[in-house]
Amino acid sequence: QTGTATTSYYRAKVTSGVCPSIYSDTASVQVDAATIAGSISSTSVLLCNGSTPPTITLTGNLSTRIEWVSGAISGSLTSTTPAQSGQTISSVINTSAPGSTQVTNYYQALVTNGKCSTIPTNEIAITVDPRSQAGSIIPSQKVQQVCIGSPASSLQNIVLPTHVGTIQWESTWPSGSYANMTGLTTATLPNTNLQTGTATTSYYRAKVTSGVCPSIYSD
């Protein structure tokens, strides 16, 4: 009997003529319910390099065995996540994105109930952004001087030599707060954008932001 998820028991009754009947040992046959994979509620998570690993939780499943797998290519997850077989995983999730490259890994559970088929859950993507980084502006560009009303020369461009993340140049006069310079988002702050119409000292810096990581500021 295999149509119902239950355990059935079988035995043989043996009778020899007018002698009392005897019974064989009992055999049991367990019929397992069909596997229900369940699902992972979230489909993607964005993290900064070095963040605390999130917890991925599987819910709604019917299973006796769960195996978590991961990989860098969606739809081809073959790496068994070590020592993780329960409803949740956390510590084994990658939260490292060294250097300047964003890293994405995918995770899913392979769910099996008894002798029934193994079914994969949906995947969840964990994307890790590298930390915001900004190199030092060279000393000759950090302190410059021009005569009032004279345009700054091309030699007075301010260049952020290296960075990881997007750039937003900001400026301020001594008594003010820094404000965005509209449209200036490349590594070079052109000389034509330096304020020379007033006898004062202006300050410039680059705000660098890598994905969801905290912004940092250049010199």
N, C-alpha and C. Protein backbone atom coordinates (compact mmCIF):
# COMPACT_ATOMS: atom_id res chain seq x y z
N GLN A 1 0.86 -1.19 0.00
CA GLN A 1 0.00 0.00 0.00
C GLN A 1 0.89 1.23 0.00
N THR A 2 0.87 2.01 -1.12
CA THR A 2 1.75 3.17 -1.24
C THR A 2 1.01 4.46 -1.51
N GLY A 3 -0.29 4.45 -1.40
CA GLY A 3 -1.05 5.65 -1.73
C GLY A 3 -1.21 6.63 -0.60
N THR A 4 -0.83 6.25 0.62
CA THR A 4 -0.99 7.11 1.79
C THR A 4 0.31 7.15 2.57
N ALA A 5 0.65 8.30 3.07
CA ALA A 5 1.87 8.43 3.88
C ALA A 5 1.61 7.84 5.25
N THR A 6 2.06 6.61 5.43
CA THR A 6 1.84 5.91 6.70
C THR A 6 2.79 4.73 6.75
N THR A 7 2.71 3.97 7.85
CA THR A 7 3.49 2.73 7.95
C THR A 7 2.52 1.56 8.04
N SER A 8 2.66 0.62 7.14
CA SER A 8 1.82 -0.59 7.11
C SER A 8 2.65 -1.77 7.61
N TYR A 9 1.94 -2.74 8.25
CA TYR A 9 2.62 -3.92 8.80
C TYR A 9 2.05 -5.18 8.16
N TYR A 10 2.91 -6.15 7.90
CA TYR A 10 2.51 -7.36 7.22
C TYR A 10 3.11 -8.58 7.95
N ARG A 11 2.30 -9.68 7.95
CA ARG A 11 2.78 -10.94 8.52
C ARG A 11 2.07 -12.09 7.82
N ALA A 12 2.67 -13.24 7.93
CA ALA A 12 2.06 -14.44 7.35
C ALA A 12 1.46 -15.30 8.47
N LYS A 13 0.22 -15.72 8.26
CA LYS A 13 -0.45 -16.66 9.17
C LYS A 13 -0.34 -18.06 8.56
N VAL A 14 0.27 -18.98 9.28
CA VAL A 14 0.54 -20.31 8.73
C VAL A 14 -0.25 -21.36 9.52
N THR A 15 -1.03 -22.15 8.81
CA THR A 15 -1.86 -23.18 9.44
C THR A 15 -1.60 -24.54 8.79
N SER A 16 -1.30 -25.51 9.60
CA SER A 16 -1.08 -26.88 9.10
C SER A 16 -2.23 -27.78 9.57
N GLY A 17 -3.12 -28.05 8.65
CA GLY A 17 -4.25 -28.91 8.98
C GLY A 17 -5.03 -28.39 10.17
N VAL A 18 -5.22 -29.33 11.16
CA VAL A 18 -5.99 -28.95 12.35
C VAL A 18 -5.10 -28.38 13.45
N CYS A 19 -3.84 -28.20 13.14
CA CYS A 19 -2.91 -27.65 14.16
C CYS A 19 -3.16 -26.15 14.34
N PRO A 20 -2.80 -25.64 15.50
CA PRO A 20 -2.97 -24.19 15.74
C PRO A 20 -2.14 -23.38 14.74
N SER A 21 -2.68 -22.24 14.34
CA SER A 21 -1.96 -21.35 13.44
C SER A 21 -0.80 -20.67 14.16
N ILE A 22 0.23 -20.34 13.41
CA ILE A 22 1.32 -19.52 13.94
C ILE A 22 1.56 -18.36 12.98
N TYR A 23 2.31 -17.36 13.46
CA TYR A 23 2.52 -16.14 12.66
C TYR A 23 4.01 -15.92 12.42
N SER A 24 4.30 -15.42 11.26
CA SER A 24 5.69 -15.08 10.92
C SER A 24 6.09 -13.78 11.62
N ASP A 25 7.35 -13.44 11.48
CA ASP A 25 7.79 -12.12 11.91
C ASP A 25 6.99 -11.05 11.16
N THR A 26 6.94 -9.86 11.76
CA THR A 26 6.21 -8.75 11.13
C THR A 26 7.16 -7.93 10.26
N ALA A 27 6.73 -7.61 9.08
CA ALA A 27 7.47 -6.71 8.18
C ALA A 27 6.73 -5.37 8.12
N SER A 28 7.49 -4.29 8.19
CA SER A 28 6.87 -2.96 8.11
C SER A 28 7.32 -2.24 6.85
N VAL A 29 6.41 -1.50 6.27
CA VAL A 29 6.71 -0.70 5.08
C VAL A 29 6.25 0.73 5.35
N GLN A 30 7.23 1.63 5.38
CA GLN A 30 6.92 3.05 5.62
C GLN A 30 6.79 3.77 4.30
N VAL A 31 5.70 4.47 4.13
CA VAL A 31 5.48 5.27 2.92
C VAL A 31 5.63 6.74 3.31
N ASP A 32 6.65 7.39 2.75
CA ASP A 32 6.94 8.79 3.11
C ASP A 32 6.08 9.75 2.32
N ALA A 33 5.72 10.84 2.98
CA ALA A 33 5.00 11.91 2.29
C ALA A 33 5.92 12.57 1.27
N ALA A 34 5.37 13.10 0.21
CA ALA A 34 6.15 13.77 -0.82
C ALA A 34 6.92 14.94 -0.22
N THR A 35 8.13 15.14 -0.72
CA THR A 35 8.97 16.25 -0.26
C THR A 35 8.32 17.59 -0.59
N ILE A 36 8.34 18.50 0.36
CA ILE A 36 7.94 19.89 0.11
C ILE A 36 9.16 20.74 0.35
N ALA A 37 9.62 21.45 -0.68
CA ALA A 37 10.88 22.18 -0.59
C ALA A 37 10.80 23.37 0.35
N GLY A 38 9.65 24.04 0.39
CA GLY A 38 9.57 25.30 1.13
C GLY A 38 10.27 26.41 0.36
N SER A 39 10.56 27.49 1.02
CA SER A 39 11.18 28.61 0.32
C SER A 39 12.01 29.47 1.25
N ILE A 40 12.93 30.22 0.64
CA ILE A 40 13.71 31.24 1.33
C ILE A 40 13.03 32.56 1.01
N SER A 41 12.67 33.33 2.03
CA SER A 41 11.80 34.49 1.82
C SER A 41 12.48 35.59 1.01
N SER A 42 13.75 35.82 1.23
CA SER A 42 14.44 36.91 0.53
C SER A 42 15.13 36.38 -0.71
N THR A 43 15.25 37.21 -1.74
CA THR A 43 15.93 36.80 -2.97
C THR A 43 17.30 37.44 -3.13
N SER A 44 17.59 38.51 -2.41
CA SER A 44 18.91 39.14 -2.53
C SER A 44 19.20 39.99 -1.30
N VAL A 45 20.49 40.06 -0.96
CA VAL A 45 20.94 40.85 0.17
C VAL A 45 22.21 41.59 -0.26
N LEU A 46 22.31 42.87 0.09
CA LEU A 46 23.50 43.67 -0.20
C LEU A 46 24.24 43.95 1.11
N LEU A 47 25.55 43.69 1.12
CA LEU A 47 26.36 43.87 2.31
C LEU A 47 27.63 44.63 1.96
N CYS A 48 28.24 45.21 2.99
CA CYS A 48 29.57 45.80 2.84
C CYS A 48 30.60 44.79 3.30
N ASN A 49 31.77 44.83 2.70
CA ASN A 49 32.86 43.93 3.06
C ASN A 49 33.08 43.90 4.57
N GLY A 50 33.11 42.69 5.12
CA GLY A 50 33.36 42.54 6.55
C GLY A 50 32.14 42.62 7.43
N SER A 51 30.95 42.72 6.85
CA SER A 51 29.73 42.81 7.65
C SER A 51 29.46 41.49 8.37
N THR A 52 28.63 41.57 9.40
CA THR A 52 28.17 40.36 10.08
C THR A 52 27.33 39.53 9.11
N PRO A 53 27.60 38.23 8.99
CA PRO A 53 26.82 37.42 8.05
C PRO A 53 25.34 37.44 8.41
N PRO A 54 24.47 37.56 7.41
CA PRO A 54 23.03 37.48 7.68
C PRO A 54 22.62 36.04 7.92
N THR A 55 21.42 35.84 8.39
CA THR A 55 20.86 34.50 8.57
C THR A 55 19.87 34.21 7.45
N ILE A 56 20.09 33.10 6.76
CA ILE A 56 19.16 32.65 5.72
C ILE A 56 18.28 31.56 6.33
N THR A 57 16.97 31.72 6.20
CA THR A 57 16.04 30.79 6.84
C THR A 57 15.13 30.14 5.81
N LEU A 58 15.01 28.82 5.91
CA LEU A 58 14.10 28.05 5.07
C LEU A 58 12.82 27.79 5.85
N THR A 59 11.68 28.09 5.23
CA THR A 59 10.39 27.86 5.89
C THR A 59 9.44 27.10 4.95
N GLY A 60 8.41 26.49 5.55
CA GLY A 60 7.37 25.83 4.77
C GLY A 60 7.78 24.51 4.15
N ASN A 61 8.87 23.91 4.63
CA ASN A 61 9.34 22.66 4.04
C ASN A 61 8.82 21.44 4.80
N LEU A 62 8.75 20.31 4.11
CA LEU A 62 8.49 19.01 4.73
C LEU A 62 9.65 18.12 4.33
N SER A 63 10.50 17.78 5.30
CA SER A 63 11.74 17.10 4.94
C SER A 63 12.34 16.39 6.15
N THR A 64 13.17 15.40 5.84
CA THR A 64 13.98 14.76 6.87
C THR A 64 15.45 15.07 6.67
N ARG A 65 15.78 15.71 5.55
CA ARG A 65 17.18 16.04 5.27
C ARG A 65 17.25 17.35 4.48
N ILE A 66 18.15 18.23 4.91
CA ILE A 66 18.39 19.50 4.22
C ILE A 66 19.88 19.64 3.97
N GLU A 67 20.25 19.90 2.75
CA GLU A 67 21.66 20.14 2.40
C GLU A 67 21.77 21.50 1.72
N TRP A 68 22.57 22.39 2.29
CA TRP A 68 22.76 23.71 1.71
C TRP A 68 23.91 23.69 0.71
N VAL A 69 23.71 24.34 -0.42
CA VAL A 69 24.76 24.44 -1.44
C VAL A 69 24.92 25.90 -1.84
N SER A 70 26.08 26.20 -2.43
CA SER A 70 26.37 27.59 -2.81
C SER A 70 27.23 27.59 -4.07
N GLY A 71 27.39 28.76 -4.65
CA GLY A 71 28.21 28.91 -5.84
C GLY A 71 28.15 30.33 -6.37
N ALA A 72 29.06 30.63 -7.29
CA ALA A 72 29.14 31.97 -7.85
C ALA A 72 28.29 32.14 -9.10
N ILE A 73 27.75 31.04 -9.63
CA ILE A 73 26.96 31.10 -10.86
C ILE A 73 25.53 30.66 -10.55
N SER A 74 24.59 31.55 -10.76
CA SER A 74 23.19 31.23 -10.50
C SER A 74 22.73 30.07 -11.38
N GLY A 75 22.01 29.13 -10.77
CA GLY A 75 21.53 27.97 -11.50
C GLY A 75 22.52 26.83 -11.57
N SER A 76 23.71 27.02 -11.01
CA SER A 76 24.73 25.97 -11.02
C SER A 76 25.45 25.95 -9.67
N LEU A 77 24.69 25.64 -8.63
CA LEU A 77 25.25 25.64 -7.28
C LEU A 77 25.66 24.22 -6.91
N THR A 78 26.95 24.00 -6.78
CA THR A 78 27.45 22.64 -6.58
C THR A 78 28.31 22.49 -5.34
N SER A 79 28.69 23.57 -4.73
CA SER A 79 29.58 23.49 -3.57
C SER A 79 28.76 23.28 -2.30
N THR A 80 28.96 22.13 -1.63
CA THR A 80 28.23 21.86 -0.40
C THR A 80 28.74 22.77 0.71
N THR A 81 27.82 23.52 1.29
CA THR A 81 28.20 24.42 2.37
C THR A 81 28.52 23.59 3.62
N PRO A 82 29.73 23.68 4.16
CA PRO A 82 30.14 22.76 5.23
C PRO A 82 29.34 22.90 6.51
N ALA A 83 29.06 21.75 7.12
CA ALA A 83 28.48 21.68 8.46
C ALA A 83 27.17 22.45 8.61
N GLN A 84 26.42 22.58 7.52
CA GLN A 84 25.15 23.30 7.58
C GLN A 84 24.05 22.42 7.00
N SER A 85 23.17 21.95 7.86
CA SER A 85 22.12 21.05 7.39
C SER A 85 20.76 21.35 8.00
N GLY A 86 20.64 22.39 8.80
CA GLY A 86 19.38 22.70 9.44
C GLY A 86 18.55 23.70 8.66
N GLN A 87 17.57 24.28 9.35
CA GLN A 87 16.66 25.23 8.70
C GLN A 87 17.32 26.55 8.36
N THR A 88 18.45 26.88 9.02
CA THR A 88 19.10 28.18 8.80
C THR A 88 20.59 28.00 8.59
N ILE A 89 21.18 28.98 7.87
CA ILE A 89 22.64 29.09 7.79
C ILE A 89 23.03 30.54 8.02
N SER A 90 24.23 30.74 8.56
CA SER A 90 24.69 32.10 8.81
C SER A 90 26.21 32.21 8.71
N SER A 91 26.92 31.52 9.59
CA SER A 91 28.36 31.73 9.72
C SER A 91 29.14 31.39 8.46
N VAL A 92 28.61 30.51 7.61
CA VAL A 92 29.35 30.10 6.41
C VAL A 92 29.11 31.04 5.22
N ILE A 93 28.26 32.03 5.38
CA ILE A 93 27.96 32.95 4.28
C ILE A 93 29.15 33.88 4.06
N ASN A 94 29.56 34.02 2.81
CA ASN A 94 30.70 34.87 2.50
C ASN A 94 30.33 36.35 2.62
N THR A 95 31.12 37.10 3.39
CA THR A 95 30.91 38.55 3.49
C THR A 95 32.21 39.28 3.18
N SER A 96 33.05 38.67 2.37
CA SER A 96 34.34 39.25 2.02
C SER A 96 34.39 39.65 0.55
N ALA A 97 34.78 40.90 0.30
CA ALA A 97 35.00 41.38 -1.07
C ALA A 97 36.31 42.14 -1.06
N PRO A 98 37.43 41.44 -1.10
CA PRO A 98 38.73 42.11 -1.03
C PRO A 98 39.01 42.93 -2.29
N GLY A 99 39.85 43.91 -2.15
CA GLY A 99 40.23 44.71 -3.31
C GLY A 99 39.14 45.64 -3.77
N SER A 100 38.88 45.63 -5.08
CA SER A 100 37.96 46.60 -5.66
C SER A 100 36.79 45.96 -6.40
N THR A 101 36.59 44.67 -6.24
CA THR A 101 35.59 43.95 -7.03
C THR A 101 34.42 43.51 -6.16
N GLN A 102 33.21 43.77 -6.62
CA GLN A 102 32.01 43.30 -5.95
C GLN A 102 31.92 41.78 -6.11
N VAL A 103 31.51 41.09 -5.05
CA VAL A 103 31.44 39.63 -5.06
C VAL A 103 30.00 39.19 -4.79
N THR A 104 29.48 38.29 -5.63
CA THR A 104 28.14 37.74 -5.42
C THR A 104 28.21 36.22 -5.34
N ASN A 105 27.59 35.67 -4.31
CA ASN A 105 27.43 34.23 -4.18
C ASN A 105 25.95 33.90 -4.00
N TYR A 106 25.56 32.73 -4.46
CA TYR A 106 24.17 32.29 -4.39
C TYR A 106 24.07 31.08 -3.45
N TYR A 107 22.96 30.99 -2.74
CA TYR A 107 22.75 29.90 -1.79
C TYR A 107 21.34 29.32 -1.99
N GLN A 108 21.22 28.00 -1.80
CA GLN A 108 19.91 27.36 -1.82
C GLN A 108 20.00 26.07 -1.02
N ALA A 109 18.86 25.52 -0.68
CA ALA A 109 18.79 24.26 0.06
C ALA A 109 18.27 23.16 -0.84
N LEU A 110 18.85 21.96 -0.70
CA LEU A 110 18.34 20.75 -1.35
C LEU A 110 17.57 19.97 -0.29
N VAL A 111 16.28 19.78 -0.52
CA VAL A 111 15.38 19.26 0.51
C VAL A 111 14.89 17.86 0.12
N THR A 112 14.98 16.93 1.06
CA THR A 112 14.54 15.55 0.82
C THR A 112 13.70 15.06 1.98
N ASN A 113 12.61 14.38 1.69
CA ASN A 113 11.82 13.76 2.74
C ASN A 113 11.87 12.24 2.56
N GLY A 114 12.53 11.56 3.51
CA GLY A 114 12.63 10.11 3.45
C GLY A 114 13.20 9.62 2.14
N LYS A 115 12.43 8.71 1.47
CA LYS A 115 12.86 8.14 0.20
C LYS A 115 12.32 8.90 -1.00
N CYS A 116 11.66 10.02 -0.74
CA CYS A 116 11.08 10.79 -1.85
C CYS A 116 12.14 11.65 -2.53
N SER A 117 11.77 12.24 -3.65
CA SER A 117 12.71 12.99 -4.47
C SER A 117 13.27 14.20 -3.73
N THR A 118 14.52 14.55 -4.09
CA THR A 118 15.15 15.76 -3.58
C THR A 118 14.71 16.94 -4.44
N ILE A 119 14.30 18.03 -3.78
CA ILE A 119 13.81 19.21 -4.50
C ILE A 119 14.62 20.43 -4.05
N PRO A 120 15.12 21.24 -4.99
CA PRO A 120 15.84 22.45 -4.61
C PRO A 120 14.89 23.59 -4.29
N THR A 121 15.28 24.44 -3.36
CA THR A 121 14.51 25.65 -3.07
C THR A 121 14.89 26.74 -4.07
N ASN A 122 14.28 27.89 -3.92
CA ASN A 122 14.71 29.06 -4.67
C ASN A 122 16.10 29.48 -4.18
N GLU A 123 16.80 30.26 -4.99
CA GLU A 123 18.13 30.75 -4.62
C GLU A 123 18.02 32.11 -3.94
N ILE A 124 19.03 32.41 -3.12
CA ILE A 124 19.16 33.75 -2.57
C ILE A 124 20.56 34.26 -2.93
N ALA A 125 20.64 35.50 -3.38
CA ALA A 125 21.93 36.10 -3.77
C ALA A 125 22.44 36.98 -2.63
N ILE A 126 23.68 36.77 -2.24
CA ILE A 126 24.35 37.61 -1.26
C ILE A 126 25.46 38.36 -1.97
N THR A 127 25.30 39.67 -2.11
CA THR A 127 26.27 40.50 -2.82
C THR A 127 27.04 41.35 -1.81
N VAL A 128 28.37 41.34 -1.95
CA VAL A 128 29.24 42.06 -1.03
C VAL A 128 30.02 43.12 -1.79
N ASP A 129 29.90 44.37 -1.35
CA ASP A 129 30.64 45.47 -1.96
C ASP A 129 31.98 45.65 -1.27
N PRO A 130 33.06 45.97 -2.03
CA PRO A 130 34.34 46.27 -1.39
C PRO A 130 34.24 47.59 -0.64
N ARG A 131 35.07 47.77 0.36
CA ARG A 131 35.04 49.01 1.14
C ARG A 131 35.42 50.21 0.28
N SER A 132 34.84 51.37 0.62
CA SER A 132 35.19 52.61 -0.06
C SER A 132 36.67 52.92 0.20
N GLN A 133 37.37 53.32 -0.87
CA GLN A 133 38.79 53.63 -0.74
C GLN A 133 39.11 54.88 -1.54
N ALA A 134 40.04 55.67 -1.02
CA ALA A 134 40.48 56.89 -1.71
C ALA A 134 41.97 57.08 -1.49
N GLY A 135 42.70 57.24 -2.60
CA GLY A 135 44.13 57.51 -2.51
C GLY A 135 44.39 58.96 -2.14
N SER A 136 45.63 59.28 -1.83
CA SER A 136 45.99 60.65 -1.42
C SER A 136 46.22 61.55 -2.63
N ILE A 137 45.68 62.76 -2.54
CA ILE A 137 45.95 63.79 -3.54
C ILE A 137 47.42 64.19 -3.40
N ILE A 138 48.11 64.38 -4.52
CA ILE A 138 49.54 64.69 -4.44
C ILE A 138 49.73 66.06 -3.78
N PRO A 139 50.83 66.24 -3.01
CA PRO A 139 51.03 67.47 -2.23
C PRO A 139 50.95 68.76 -3.04
N SER A 140 51.44 68.76 -4.28
CA SER A 140 51.44 70.00 -5.07
C SER A 140 50.03 70.46 -5.43
N GLN A 141 49.06 69.55 -5.41
CA GLN A 141 47.68 69.91 -5.71
C GLN A 141 46.87 70.23 -4.46
N LYS A 142 47.40 69.87 -3.31
CA LYS A 142 46.64 70.04 -2.07
C LYS A 142 46.65 71.48 -1.58
N VAL A 143 47.69 72.23 -1.89
CA VAL A 143 47.76 73.65 -1.48
C VAL A 143 48.12 74.47 -2.71
N GLN A 144 47.16 75.27 -3.19
CA GLN A 144 47.37 76.06 -4.40
C GLN A 144 47.00 77.52 -4.14
N GLN A 145 47.56 78.41 -4.98
CA GLN A 145 47.33 79.84 -4.79
C GLN A 145 47.20 80.52 -6.15
N VAL A 146 46.17 81.36 -6.30
CA VAL A 146 45.97 82.13 -7.54
C VAL A 146 45.61 83.56 -7.17
N CYS A 147 45.78 84.47 -8.13
CA CYS A 147 45.39 85.86 -7.94
C CYS A 147 43.89 86.00 -8.19
N ILE A 148 43.24 86.88 -7.44
CA ILE A 148 41.82 87.07 -7.57
C ILE A 148 41.44 87.42 -9.01
N GLY A 149 40.41 86.75 -9.51
CA GLY A 149 39.92 87.01 -10.86
C GLY A 149 40.68 86.29 -11.94
N SER A 150 41.82 85.68 -11.62
CA SER A 150 42.60 84.95 -12.61
C SER A 150 42.13 83.49 -12.65
N PRO A 151 41.92 82.96 -13.83
CA PRO A 151 41.50 81.55 -13.89
C PRO A 151 42.64 80.63 -13.47
N ALA A 152 42.28 79.57 -12.81
CA ALA A 152 43.30 78.56 -12.49
C ALA A 152 43.74 77.87 -13.78
N SER A 153 44.99 77.49 -13.85
CA SER A 153 45.51 76.85 -15.05
C SER A 153 45.22 75.34 -15.01
N SER A 154 45.44 74.71 -16.15
CA SER A 154 45.20 73.26 -16.23
C SER A 154 46.15 72.50 -15.32
N LEU A 155 47.27 73.14 -14.96
CA LEU A 155 48.20 72.50 -14.04
C LEU A 155 47.63 72.43 -12.63
N GLN A 156 46.53 73.14 -12.41
CA GLN A 156 45.94 73.18 -11.08
C GLN A 156 44.72 72.28 -10.96
N ASN A 157 44.53 71.39 -11.95
CA ASN A 157 43.52 70.33 -11.79
C ASN A 157 43.82 69.55 -10.51
N ILE A 158 42.78 69.10 -9.84
CA ILE A 158 42.95 68.28 -8.64
C ILE A 158 42.53 66.85 -9.00
N VAL A 159 43.43 65.92 -8.79
CA VAL A 159 43.20 64.54 -9.23
C VAL A 159 43.23 63.59 -8.04
N LEU A 160 42.21 62.74 -7.96
CA LEU A 160 42.20 61.65 -6.99
C LEU A 160 42.86 60.46 -7.68
N PRO A 161 44.08 60.08 -7.31
CA PRO A 161 44.84 59.12 -8.10
C PRO A 161 44.25 57.71 -8.13
N THR A 162 43.72 57.26 -7.01
CA THR A 162 43.10 55.93 -6.97
C THR A 162 41.86 55.99 -6.10
N HIS A 163 40.91 55.13 -6.41
CA HIS A 163 39.70 55.08 -5.59
C HIS A 163 38.93 53.80 -5.87
N VAL A 164 38.10 53.39 -4.93
CA VAL A 164 37.15 52.30 -5.11
C VAL A 164 35.79 52.84 -4.70
N GLY A 165 34.89 52.94 -5.67
CA GLY A 165 33.57 53.50 -5.42
C GLY A 165 33.30 54.66 -6.36
N THR A 166 32.14 55.28 -6.20
CA THR A 166 31.78 56.44 -7.00
C THR A 166 32.26 57.71 -6.33
N ILE A 167 32.49 58.74 -7.13
CA ILE A 167 33.06 60.00 -6.63
C ILE A 167 32.03 61.11 -6.71
N GLN A 168 32.01 61.95 -5.69
CA GLN A 168 31.26 63.20 -5.70
C GLN A 168 32.17 64.27 -5.10
N TRP A 169 32.59 65.23 -5.93
CA TRP A 169 33.42 66.31 -5.41
C TRP A 169 32.56 67.29 -4.61
N GLU A 170 33.14 67.80 -3.51
CA GLU A 170 32.47 68.75 -2.64
C GLU A 170 33.38 69.94 -2.41
N SER A 171 32.77 71.08 -2.08
CA SER A 171 33.58 72.28 -1.80
C SER A 171 32.96 73.07 -0.65
N THR A 172 33.78 73.93 -0.06
CA THR A 172 33.31 74.81 1.00
C THR A 172 34.23 76.01 1.12
N TRP A 173 33.69 77.11 1.61
CA TRP A 173 34.49 78.22 2.07
C TRP A 173 34.72 78.01 3.55
N PRO A 174 35.65 78.70 4.14
CA PRO A 174 36.02 78.41 5.53
C PRO A 174 34.85 78.38 6.51
N SER A 175 33.86 79.27 6.33
CA SER A 175 32.79 79.36 7.32
C SER A 175 31.59 78.47 7.01
N GLY A 176 31.64 77.76 5.87
CA GLY A 176 30.48 76.98 5.47
C GLY A 176 30.68 75.49 5.65
N SER A 177 29.65 74.72 5.26
CA SER A 177 29.76 73.27 5.27
C SER A 177 29.95 72.79 3.84
N TYR A 178 30.46 71.60 3.69
CA TYR A 178 30.72 71.08 2.35
C TYR A 178 29.41 70.83 1.61
N ALA A 179 29.41 71.16 0.32
CA ALA A 179 28.24 70.94 -0.53
C ALA A 179 28.69 70.28 -1.83
N ASN A 180 27.79 69.48 -2.42
CA ASN A 180 28.11 68.81 -3.68
C ASN A 180 28.36 69.81 -4.79
N MET A 181 29.33 69.49 -5.64
CA MET A 181 29.60 70.27 -6.85
C MET A 181 28.89 69.54 -8.00
N THR A 182 27.87 70.16 -8.54
CA THR A 182 26.98 69.51 -9.50
C THR A 182 27.74 68.96 -10.70
N GLY A 183 27.51 67.65 -10.97
CA GLY A 183 28.07 67.03 -12.16
C GLY A 183 29.52 66.64 -12.08
N LEU A 184 30.16 66.87 -10.94
CA LEU A 184 31.60 66.57 -10.84
C LEU A 184 31.77 65.24 -10.11
N THR A 185 31.83 64.18 -10.91
CA THR A 185 31.83 62.82 -10.36
C THR A 185 32.94 61.95 -10.94
N THR A 186 33.94 62.55 -11.57
CA THR A 186 35.07 61.78 -12.09
C THR A 186 36.28 61.98 -11.18
N ALA A 187 37.36 61.30 -11.50
CA ALA A 187 38.56 61.36 -10.65
C ALA A 187 39.26 62.70 -10.70
N THR A 188 38.95 63.53 -11.69
CA THR A 188 39.61 64.83 -11.83
C THR A 188 38.64 65.97 -11.57
N LEU A 189 39.01 66.86 -10.67
CA LEU A 189 38.28 68.11 -10.46
C LEU A 189 38.94 69.16 -11.35
N PRO A 190 38.29 69.58 -12.45
CA PRO A 190 38.94 70.48 -13.42
C PRO A 190 39.24 71.85 -12.81
N ASN A 191 40.30 72.45 -13.33
CA ASN A 191 40.71 73.78 -12.87
C ASN A 191 39.61 74.82 -13.08
N THR A 192 38.76 74.62 -14.10
CA THR A 192 37.70 75.58 -14.41
C THR A 192 36.62 75.62 -13.34
N ASN A 193 36.63 74.65 -12.44
CA ASN A 193 35.63 74.60 -11.38
C ASN A 193 36.17 75.10 -10.04
N LEU A 194 37.39 75.61 -10.04
CA LEU A 194 37.97 76.17 -8.82
C LEU A 194 37.53 77.62 -8.69
N GLN A 195 37.11 78.04 -7.53
CA GLN A 195 36.60 79.39 -7.28
C GLN A 195 37.75 80.37 -7.12
N THR A 196 37.82 81.35 -8.03
CA THR A 196 38.90 82.35 -7.96
C THR A 196 38.36 83.78 -7.97
N GLY A 197 37.04 83.95 -7.88
CA GLY A 197 36.45 85.29 -8.00
C GLY A 197 36.41 86.06 -6.70
N THR A 198 36.73 85.40 -5.59
CA THR A 198 36.68 86.05 -4.28
C THR A 198 38.00 85.81 -3.55
N ALA A 199 38.46 86.85 -2.85
CA ALA A 199 39.71 86.71 -2.08
C ALA A 199 39.41 85.91 -0.81
N THR A 200 39.60 84.63 -0.91
CA THR A 200 39.34 83.74 0.23
C THR A 200 40.04 82.42 -0.02
N THR A 201 39.90 81.51 0.89
CA THR A 201 40.44 80.16 0.69
C THR A 201 39.26 79.19 0.60
N SER A 202 39.22 78.45 -0.49
CA SER A 202 38.19 77.43 -0.67
C SER A 202 38.82 76.06 -0.48
N TYR A 203 37.98 75.13 -0.03
CA TYR A 203 38.46 73.77 0.21
C TYR A 203 37.66 72.79 -0.64
N TYR A 204 38.36 71.79 -1.12
CA TYR A 204 37.74 70.79 -2.00
C TYR A 204 38.11 69.38 -1.52
N ARG A 205 37.19 68.48 -1.65
CA ARG A 205 37.46 67.08 -1.30
C ARG A 205 36.55 66.19 -2.13
N ALA A 206 36.94 64.93 -2.26
CA ALA A 206 36.11 63.93 -2.96
C ALA A 206 35.45 63.02 -1.94
N LYS A 207 34.15 62.84 -2.09
CA LYS A 207 33.40 61.86 -1.29
C LYS A 207 33.32 60.58 -2.11
N VAL A 208 33.82 59.49 -1.56
CA VAL A 208 33.88 58.22 -2.29
C VAL A 208 32.97 57.20 -1.61
N THR A 209 32.07 56.60 -2.39
CA THR A 209 31.11 55.64 -1.84
C THR A 209 31.11 54.37 -2.68
N SER A 210 31.39 53.23 -2.05
CA SER A 210 31.35 51.94 -2.73
C SER A 210 30.08 51.21 -2.33
N GLY A 211 29.12 51.17 -3.25
CA GLY A 211 27.88 50.42 -3.00
C GLY A 211 27.19 50.83 -1.73
N VAL A 212 26.95 49.84 -0.84
CA VAL A 212 26.27 50.10 0.42
C VAL A 212 27.26 50.40 1.55
N CYS A 213 28.54 50.45 1.24
CA CYS A 213 29.54 50.72 2.27
C CYS A 213 29.54 52.19 2.67
N PRO A 214 30.00 52.52 3.89
CA PRO A 214 30.05 53.91 4.31
C PRO A 214 30.96 54.74 3.40
N SER A 215 30.59 56.00 3.19
CA SER A 215 31.41 56.89 2.39
C SER A 215 32.67 57.28 3.15
N ILE A 216 33.73 57.56 2.41
CA ILE A 216 34.94 58.13 3.00
C ILE A 216 35.29 59.38 2.20
N TYR A 217 36.20 60.18 2.73
CA TYR A 217 36.59 61.43 2.09
C TYR A 217 38.06 61.44 1.79
N SER A 218 38.40 62.05 0.67
CA SER A 218 39.81 62.21 0.31
C SER A 218 40.45 63.30 1.16
N ASP A 219 41.75 63.52 0.92
CA ASP A 219 42.41 64.70 1.51
C ASP A 219 41.62 65.93 1.11
